[in-house]
Structure formats: C-alpha cells, structure tokens
C-alpha cells in the first residue's frame, strides 16, 4: 500500500513538472531579429563614374566593443546602455555594415567590382576602404548618432590616400527597434555616398598627383 502511494505521488510530481515546464516554455517571449536593409536603387540619385573593372575591397569594418554582440544596444537618457534581450541583429553588426556599404556602392559605382573583407586576395585590388565605427549611440525615443573614421588605401602601394571622419544623425521613426534598423540603414547609405564620391575623385586623378590627405 505504501509502495503504491509512493508511486502515485512520484507520478503526480513528475506530471506537474512537465505541465509547468510546458507552460513556462510556451510563455517565453520569442526573439525578434532585424537586419540592415539596402535602400531602393530608385531612391539613390547620386551615381559616380570610375574606370571600368576597378577592384575595391570594403573592410575590415570595426565596431565598438559595446556594439559587438547579438543584442541591439540602445542608450537611455542618463547614458546607461540597454541590451535588448529579445530584439537582436540577424547577423553580426560589422558584417551587416560591410554588406550594406558594398550594396550601396554597387549602385553608386556600377562599373566597379566590390568585395567585402575578408575576400579573395588572389584578385589584384586597386583600393581598400577601411571603416572604423568610433561611436554608435541609439536613443530609441529620439535619434541615432553614428561617427565613422574611414580610410581609402591604394592597394598597389599600400599608401593611405584619404582619411575622413563622418558624423551622421538620423531620427528613429517609428520609435522602436525596426525604426532603429531603418535609421542606421539610411545613415550607412549616406556614408556610402561620401565614400563613392571620394573614390571617384581619387580614381580620376593621375597617380603621380594623388596625395594623402586628412579631413576632420
């Protein structure tokens, strides 16, 4: 009799664990994933001319340590960082930035061949664009601020041709993580336009006249 009661009690306890476990799992929030999206090519008015068949590598793209994580990072009014547990990037942020820059440049410089770092180094490169994100602050109820130091290198001589700092601010609208992803995408497209224009200017100059320069 005691053995039967013990078995009955054990079955009830195990059944309870299973039921409550299922309820717990079923009620857990489902993670949401976002990615940076290319701007419609019809909305990009600026296109630049480069000599045909130039090979350009984009990257490496460097991002701050606090942004190097799957969770989307925002900043509160007091400056505290918030890591969204269930709103995440669908790809590493540095990879997404590099991909979007390349996609934008393919539209703005249609005659140029682009690759994202790391690429096939057996293909001779003409230029390399190194992108260093110095600051990326997202205030979900306000706007996004992006500061990037980027450099163009002559891959044949390993000479720095140009280095610039670009600062872009974009309103986050709607004030949610989707709006944040859209704001960052628009800012990166604007950055790509700056890169495209400077690549075109450098490539149009005779090699003997190209000088390293720095703009702040």
C-alpha atoms as a PDB file:
ATOM      1  CA  UNK A   1       0.000   0.000   0.000  1.00  0.00           C
ATOM      2  CA  UNK A   2       2.782   2.409   0.927  1.00  0.00           C
ATOM      3  CA  UNK A   3       4.613   1.497  -2.280  1.00  0.00           C
ATOM      4  CA  UNK A   4       1.513   2.240  -4.334  1.00  0.00           C
ATOM      5  CA  UNK A   5       1.105   5.634  -2.653  1.00  0.00           C
ATOM      6  CA  UNK A   6       4.772   6.455  -3.262  1.00  0.00           C
ATOM      7  CA  UNK A   7       4.484   5.562  -6.945  1.00  0.00           C
ATOM      8  CA  UNK A   8       1.292   7.643  -7.234  1.00  0.00           C
ATOM      9  CA  UNK A   9       2.972  10.625  -5.542  1.00  0.00           C
ATOM     10  CA  UNK A  10       6.012  10.350  -7.809  1.00  0.00           C
ATOM     11  CA  UNK A  11       3.863  10.268 -10.937  1.00  0.00           C
ATOM     12  CA  UNK A  12       1.904  13.333  -9.797  1.00  0.00           C
ATOM     13  CA  UNK A  13       5.095  15.294  -9.085  1.00  0.00           C
ATOM     14  CA  UNK A  14       6.647  14.392 -12.438  1.00  0.00           C
ATOM     15  CA  UNK A  15       3.424  15.255 -14.255  1.00  0.00           C
ATOM     16  CA  UNK A  16       3.366  18.638 -12.529  1.00  0.00           C
ATOM     17  CA  UNK A  17       6.930  19.371 -13.601  1.00  0.00           C
ATOM     18  CA  UNK A  18       6.082  18.507 -17.204  1.00  0.00           C
ATOM     19  CA  UNK A  19       2.923  20.656 -17.201  1.00  0.00           C
ATOM     20  CA  UNK A  20       4.560  23.698 -15.597  1.00  0.00           C
ATOM     21  CA  UNK A  21       7.626  23.269 -17.791  1.00  0.00           C
ATOM     22  CA  UNK A  22       5.492  23.368 -20.910  1.00  0.00           C
ATOM     23  CA  UNK A  23       3.645  26.439 -19.659  1.00  0.00           C
ATOM     24  CA  UNK A  24       6.928  28.182 -18.878  1.00  0.00           C
ATOM     25  CA  UNK A  25       8.461  27.424 -22.283  1.00  0.00           C
ATOM     26  CA  UNK A  26       5.288  28.370 -24.122  1.00  0.00           C
ATOM     27  CA  UNK A  27       5.034  31.743 -22.400  1.00  0.00           C
ATOM     28  CA  UNK A  28       8.654  32.765 -23.053  1.00  0.00           C
ATOM     29  CA  UNK A  29       8.935  35.716 -25.484  1.00  0.00           C
ATOM     30  CA  UNK A  30      10.071  34.816 -28.982  1.00  0.00           C
ATOM     31  CA  UNK A  31      13.274  36.619 -30.052  1.00  0.00           C
ATOM     32  CA  UNK A  32      12.883  39.110 -32.904  1.00  0.00           C
ATOM     33  CA  UNK A  33      15.675  39.529 -35.440  1.00  0.00           C
ATOM     34  CA  UNK A  34      16.463  42.606 -37.541  1.00  0.00           C
ATOM     35  CA  UNK A  35      18.859  43.351 -40.366  1.00  0.00           C
ATOM     36  CA  UNK A  36      20.129  46.420 -42.136  1.00  0.00           C
ATOM     37  CA  UNK A  37      18.319  46.890 -45.420  1.00  0.00           C
ATOM     38  CA  UNK A  38      19.537  48.334 -48.692  1.00  0.00           C
ATOM     39  CA  UNK A  39      17.830  51.467 -49.924  1.00  0.00           C
ATOM     40  CA  UNK A  40      15.757  51.085 -53.074  1.00  0.00           C
ATOM     41  CA  UNK A  41      18.091  51.729 -56.001  1.00  0.00           C
ATOM     42  CA  UNK A  42      15.494  54.068 -57.496  1.00  0.00           C
ATOM     43  CA  UNK A  43      15.880  56.375 -54.491  1.00  0.00           C
ATOM     44  CA  UNK A  44      19.670  56.718 -54.934  1.00  0.00           C
ATOM     45  CA  UNK A  45      20.164  59.711 -57.225  1.00  0.00           C
ATOM     46  CA  UNK A  46      23.937  60.018 -56.941  1.00  0.00           C
ATOM     47  CA  UNK A  47      25.962  57.834 -59.268  1.00  0.00           C
ATOM     48  CA  UNK A  48      29.656  58.334 -59.962  1.00  0.00           C
ATOM     49  CA  UNK A  49      31.996  57.306 -62.748  1.00  0.00           C
ATOM     50  CA  UNK A  50      35.035  55.120 -62.124  1.00  0.00           C
ATOM     51  CA  UNK A  51      37.269  53.425 -64.675  1.00  0.00           C
ATOM     52  CA  UNK A  52      35.774  50.067 -65.581  1.00  0.00           C
ATOM     53  CA  UNK A  53      36.858  46.883 -63.816  1.00  0.00           C
ATOM     54  CA  UNK A  54      38.470  48.503 -60.789  1.00  0.00           C
ATOM     55  CA  UNK A  55      38.591  46.136 -57.804  1.00  0.00           C
ATOM     56  CA  UNK A  56      37.767  47.615 -54.399  1.00  0.00           C
ATOM     57  CA  UNK A  57      37.674  45.844 -51.046  1.00  0.00           C
ATOM     58  CA  UNK A  58      35.392  47.098 -48.292  1.00  0.00           C
ATOM     59  CA  UNK A  59      36.753  46.390 -44.822  1.00  0.00           C
ATOM     60  CA  UNK A  60      37.644  45.445 -42.332  1.00  0.00           C
ATOM     61  CA  UNK A  61      34.714  47.131 -40.614  1.00  0.00           C
ATOM     62  CA  UNK A  62      35.476  47.782 -36.954  1.00  0.00           C
ATOM     63  CA  UNK A  63      32.773  48.450 -34.369  1.00  0.00           C
ATOM     64  CA  UNK A  64      32.922  49.463 -30.682  1.00  0.00           C
ATOM     65  CA  UNK A  65      33.086  46.593 -28.201  1.00  0.00           C
ATOM     66  CA  UNK A  66      29.755  47.521 -26.635  1.00  0.00           C
ATOM     67  CA  UNK A  67      28.062  47.031 -30.031  1.00  0.00           C
ATOM     68  CA  UNK A  68      29.814  43.748 -30.812  1.00  0.00           C
ATOM     69  CA  UNK A  69      27.012  41.471 -29.620  1.00  0.00           C
ATOM     70  CA  UNK A  70      23.789  39.925 -30.983  1.00  0.00           C
ATOM     71  CA  UNK A  71      21.542  42.098 -28.809  1.00  0.00           C
ATOM     72  CA  UNK A  72      20.572  45.515 -30.151  1.00  0.00           C
ATOM     73  CA  UNK A  73      22.138  48.152 -27.918  1.00  0.00           C
ATOM     74  CA  UNK A  74      20.406  51.397 -27.022  1.00  0.00           C
ATOM     75  CA  UNK A  75      21.248  54.237 -24.647  1.00  0.00           C
ATOM     76  CA  UNK A  76      18.973  55.743 -22.024  1.00  0.00           C
ATOM     77  CA  UNK A  77      18.624  59.460 -21.276  1.00  0.00           C
ATOM     78  CA  UNK A  78      21.041  59.011 -18.378  1.00  0.00           C
ATOM     79  CA  UNK A  79      23.678  57.449 -20.630  1.00  0.00           C
ATOM     80  CA  UNK A  80      23.135  53.879 -19.448  1.00  0.00           C
ATOM     81  CA  UNK A  81      23.449  51.142 -22.056  1.00  0.00           C
ATOM     82  CA  UNK A  82      20.493  48.808 -22.535  1.00  0.00           C
ATOM     83  CA  UNK A  83      20.893  45.387 -24.164  1.00  0.00           C
ATOM     84  CA  UNK A  84      17.653  44.126 -25.705  1.00  0.00           C
ATOM     85  CA  UNK A  85      17.221  40.513 -24.659  1.00  0.00           C
ATOM     86  CA  UNK A  86      14.673  39.610 -27.337  1.00  0.00           C
ATOM     87  CA  UNK A  87      15.499  42.138 -30.104  1.00  0.00           C
ATOM     88  CA  UNK A  88      18.682  41.100 -31.880  1.00  0.00           C
ATOM     89  CA  UNK A  89      20.636  41.572 -35.077  1.00  0.00           C
ATOM     90  CA  UNK A  90      20.114  38.798 -37.600  1.00  0.00           C
ATOM     91  CA  UNK A  91      23.825  38.883 -38.495  1.00  0.00           C
ATOM     92  CA  UNK A  92      26.976  40.240 -36.815  1.00  0.00           C
ATOM     93  CA  UNK A  93      26.704  44.016 -36.924  1.00  0.00           C
ATOM     94  CA  UNK A  94      30.134  44.519 -38.517  1.00  0.00           C
ATOM     95  CA  UNK A  95      29.194  42.073 -41.304  1.00  0.00           C
ATOM     96  CA  UNK A  96      25.878  43.845 -41.830  1.00  0.00           C
ATOM     97  CA  UNK A  97      27.554  47.240 -42.103  1.00  0.00           C
ATOM     98  CA  UNK A  98      30.093  45.944 -44.625  1.00  0.00           C
ATOM     99  CA  UNK A  99      27.376  44.269 -46.688  1.00  0.00           C
ATOM    100  CA  UNK A 100      25.219  47.399 -46.776  1.00  0.00           C
ATOM    101  CA  UNK A 101      28.141  49.650 -47.744  1.00  0.00           C
ATOM    102  CA  UNK A 102      29.007  47.295 -50.597  1.00  0.00           C
ATOM    103  CA  UNK A 103      25.378  47.052 -51.769  1.00  0.00           C
ATOM    104  CA  UNK A 104      25.109  50.846 -51.830  1.00  0.00           C
ATOM    105  CA  UNK A 105      28.415  51.308 -53.645  1.00  0.00           C
ATOM    106  CA  UNK A 106      27.405  48.764 -56.285  1.00  0.00           C
ATOM    107  CA  UNK A 107      24.521  51.095 -57.182  1.00  0.00           C
ATOM    108  CA  UNK A 108      26.541  54.308 -56.994  1.00  0.00           C
ATOM    109  CA  UNK A 109      29.602  52.932 -58.812  1.00  0.00           C
ATOM    110  CA  UNK A 110      28.087  50.347 -61.183  1.00  0.00           C
ATOM    111  CA  UNK A 111      31.273  49.806 -63.230  1.00  0.00           C
ATOM    112  CA  UNK A 112      33.358  48.842 -60.189  1.00  0.00           C
ATOM    113  CA  UNK A 113      33.929  45.385 -58.712  1.00  0.00           C
ATOM    114  CA  UNK A 114      33.476  45.288 -54.931  1.00  0.00           C
ATOM    115  CA  UNK A 115      34.346  42.668 -52.349  1.00  0.00           C
ATOM    116  CA  UNK A 116      33.870  42.586 -48.596  1.00  0.00           C
ATOM    117  CA  UNK A 117      36.775  41.772 -46.280  1.00  0.00           C
ATOM    118  CA  UNK A 118      37.964  39.037 -45.995  1.00  0.00           C
ATOM    119  CA  UNK A 119      37.995  38.448 -49.714  1.00  0.00           C
ATOM    120  CA  UNK A 120      39.877  36.518 -52.369  1.00  0.00           C
ATOM    121  CA  UNK A 121      43.314  38.136 -52.159  1.00  0.00           C
ATOM    122  CA  UNK A 122      44.356  36.338 -55.344  1.00  0.00           C
ATOM    123  CA  UNK A 123      42.415  39.039 -57.205  1.00  0.00           C
ATOM    124  CA  UNK A 124      44.579  42.179 -57.540  1.00  0.00           C
ATOM    125  CA  UNK A 125      42.980  45.057 -55.668  1.00  0.00           C
ATOM    126  CA  UNK A 126      43.098  48.712 -56.632  1.00  0.00           C
ATOM    127  CA  UNK A 127      41.668  50.254 -53.472  1.00  0.00           C
ATOM    128  CA  UNK A 128      40.761  49.241 -49.954  1.00  0.00           C
ATOM    129  CA  UNK A 129      38.265  51.106 -47.772  1.00  0.00           C
ATOM    130  CA  UNK A 130      38.761  50.582 -44.032  1.00  0.00           C
ATOM    131  CA  UNK A 131      35.783  51.569 -41.887  1.00  0.00           C
ATOM    132  CA  UNK A 132      36.159  52.220 -38.156  1.00  0.00           C
ATOM    133  CA  UNK A 133      32.917  52.975 -36.308  1.00  0.00           C
ATOM    134  CA  UNK A 134      34.066  55.241 -33.499  1.00  0.00           C
ATOM    135  CA  UNK A 135      30.612  55.757 -31.991  1.00  0.00           C
ATOM    136  CA  UNK A 136      27.117  54.354 -32.471  1.00  0.00           C
ATOM    137  CA  UNK A 137      24.546  55.656 -29.997  1.00  0.00           C
ATOM    138  CA  UNK A 138      20.893  54.775 -30.333  1.00  0.00           C
ATOM    139  CA  UNK A 139      18.329  56.626 -28.224  1.00  0.00           C
ATOM    140  CA  UNK A 140      15.174  54.719 -29.062  1.00  0.00           C
ATOM    141  CA  UNK A 141      12.808  57.574 -28.233  1.00  0.00           C
ATOM    142  CA  UNK A 142      14.885  60.158 -30.092  1.00  0.00           C
ATOM    143  CA  UNK A 143      17.592  59.574 -32.683  1.00  0.00           C
ATOM    144  CA  UNK A 144      20.676  57.685 -33.733  1.00  0.00           C
ATOM    145  CA  UNK A 145      24.209  59.108 -33.887  1.00  0.00           C
ATOM    146  CA  UNK A 146      26.903  57.445 -35.999  1.00  0.00           C
ATOM    147  CA  UNK A 147      30.551  58.588 -36.116  1.00  0.00           C
ATOM    148  CA  UNK A 148      32.851  56.787 -38.544  1.00  0.00           C
ATOM    149  CA  UNK A 149      36.530  57.200 -39.339  1.00  0.00           C
ATOM    150  CA  UNK A 150      37.147  55.758 -42.799  1.00  0.00           C
ATOM    151  CA  UNK A 151      40.260  55.443 -44.908  1.00  0.00           C
ATOM    152  CA  UNK A 152      40.969  54.771 -48.579  1.00  0.00           C
ATOM    153  CA  UNK A 153      44.216  52.919 -49.321  1.00  0.00           C
ATOM    154  CA  UNK A 154      45.978  52.371 -52.631  1.00  0.00           C
ATOM    155  CA  UNK A 155      46.296  48.584 -52.528  1.00  0.00           C
ATOM    156  CA  UNK A 156      49.120  48.508 -55.040  1.00  0.00           C
ATOM    157  CA  UNK A 157      51.391  50.796 -52.999  1.00  0.00           C
ATOM    158  CA  UNK A 158      49.847  50.353 -49.515  1.00  0.00           C
ATOM    159  CA  UNK A 159      49.665  54.134 -49.357  1.00  0.00           C
ATOM    160  CA  UNK A 160      46.914  55.943 -47.487  1.00  0.00           C
ATOM    161  CA  UNK A 161      45.220  58.261 -49.960  1.00  0.00           C
ATOM    162  CA  UNK A 162      42.489  59.735 -47.811  1.00  0.00           C
ATOM    163  CA  UNK A 163      41.125  59.554 -44.300  1.00  0.00           C
ATOM    164  CA  UNK A 164      37.928  61.240 -43.148  1.00  0.00           C
ATOM    165  CA  UNK A 165      35.575  61.341 -40.196  1.00  0.00           C
ATOM    166  CA  UNK A 166      31.871  61.323 -40.981  1.00  0.00           C
ATOM    167  CA  UNK A 167      29.206  62.099 -38.404  1.00  0.00           C
ATOM    168  CA  UNK A 168      25.591  61.280 -39.168  1.00  0.00           C
ATOM    169  CA  UNK A 169      22.447  61.760 -37.109  1.00  0.00           C
ATOM    170  CA  UNK A 170      19.101  60.225 -38.026  1.00  0.00           C
ATOM    171  CA  UNK A 171      15.714  60.402 -36.317  1.00  0.00           C
ATOM    172  CA  UNK A 172      14.432  56.990 -35.241  1.00  0.00           C
ATOM    173  CA  UNK A 173      10.896  56.766 -36.592  1.00  0.00           C
ATOM    174  CA  UNK A 174       8.964  54.799 -35.527  1.00  0.00           C
ATOM    175  CA  UNK A 175      10.486  54.751 -32.045  1.00  0.00           C
ATOM    176  CA  UNK A 176      11.136  51.021 -31.946  1.00  0.00           C
ATOM    177  CA  UNK A 177      13.815  48.543 -32.991  1.00  0.00           C
ATOM    178  CA  UNK A 178      12.524  48.368 -36.555  1.00  0.00           C
ATOM    179  CA  UNK A 179      12.798  52.165 -36.767  1.00  0.00           C
ATOM    180  CA  UNK A 180      16.315  51.936 -35.330  1.00  0.00           C
ATOM    181  CA  UNK A 181      17.392  49.453 -38.019  1.00  0.00           C
ATOM    182  CA  UNK A 182      15.904  51.703 -40.701  1.00  0.00           C
ATOM    183  CA  UNK A 183      17.648  54.803 -39.312  1.00  0.00           C
ATOM    184  CA  UNK A 184      21.017  53.048 -39.244  1.00  0.00           C
ATOM    185  CA  UNK A 185      20.460  51.762 -42.795  1.00  0.00           C
ATOM    186  CA  UNK A 186      19.774  55.294 -44.061  1.00  0.00           C
ATOM    187  CA  UNK A 187      22.855  56.663 -42.306  1.00  0.00           C
ATOM    188  CA  UNK A 188      25.083  53.958 -43.755  1.00  0.00           C
ATOM    189  CA  UNK A 189      23.708  54.714 -47.215  1.00  0.00           C
ATOM    190  CA  UNK A 190      24.643  58.385 -46.738  1.00  0.00           C
ATOM    191  CA  UNK A 191      28.112  57.327 -45.592  1.00  0.00           C
ATOM    192  CA  UNK A 192      28.426  55.145 -48.695  1.00  0.00           C
ATOM    193  CA  UNK A 193      27.650  58.170 -50.868  1.00  0.00           C
ATOM    194  CA  UNK A 194      30.591  60.043 -49.302  1.00  0.00           C
ATOM    195  CA  UNK A 195      32.866  57.069 -49.891  1.00  0.00           C
ATOM    196  CA  UNK A 196      31.706  56.710 -53.508  1.00  0.00           C
ATOM    197  CA  UNK A 197      32.297  60.375 -54.290  1.00  0.00           C
ATOM    198  CA  UNK A 198      35.815  60.320 -52.855  1.00  0.00           C
ATOM    199  CA  UNK A 199      36.696  57.055 -54.600  1.00  0.00           C
ATOM    200  CA  UNK A 200      35.601  58.598 -57.889  1.00  0.00           C
ATOM    201  CA  UNK A 201      37.657  61.745 -57.268  1.00  0.00           C
ATOM    202  CA  UNK A 202      40.770  59.770 -56.362  1.00  0.00           C
ATOM    203  CA  UNK A 203      40.488  57.401 -59.304  1.00  0.00           C
ATOM    204  CA  UNK A 204      40.108  60.314 -61.736  1.00  0.00           C
ATOM    205  CA  UNK A 205      43.421  61.848 -60.664  1.00  0.00           C
ATOM    206  CA  UNK A 206      46.722  60.869 -62.284  1.00  0.00           C
ATOM    207  CA  UNK A 207      48.599  58.586 -59.921  1.00  0.00           C
ATOM    208  CA  UNK A 208      51.512  60.994 -59.719  1.00  0.00           C
ATOM    209  CA  UNK A 209      49.244  63.737 -58.342  1.00  0.00           C
ATOM    210  CA  UNK A 210      47.370  61.739 -55.717  1.00  0.00           C
ATOM    211  CA  UNK A 211      48.437  62.799 -52.244  1.00  0.00           C
ATOM    212  CA  UNK A 212      47.479  61.516 -48.832  1.00  0.00           C
ATOM    213  CA  UNK A 213      45.110  63.867 -47.076  1.00  0.00           C
ATOM    214  CA  UNK A 214      43.181  64.008 -43.851  1.00  0.00           C
ATOM    215  CA  UNK A 215      39.892  65.781 -43.218  1.00  0.00           C
ATOM    216  CA  UNK A 216      38.407  66.247 -39.777  1.00  0.00           C
END
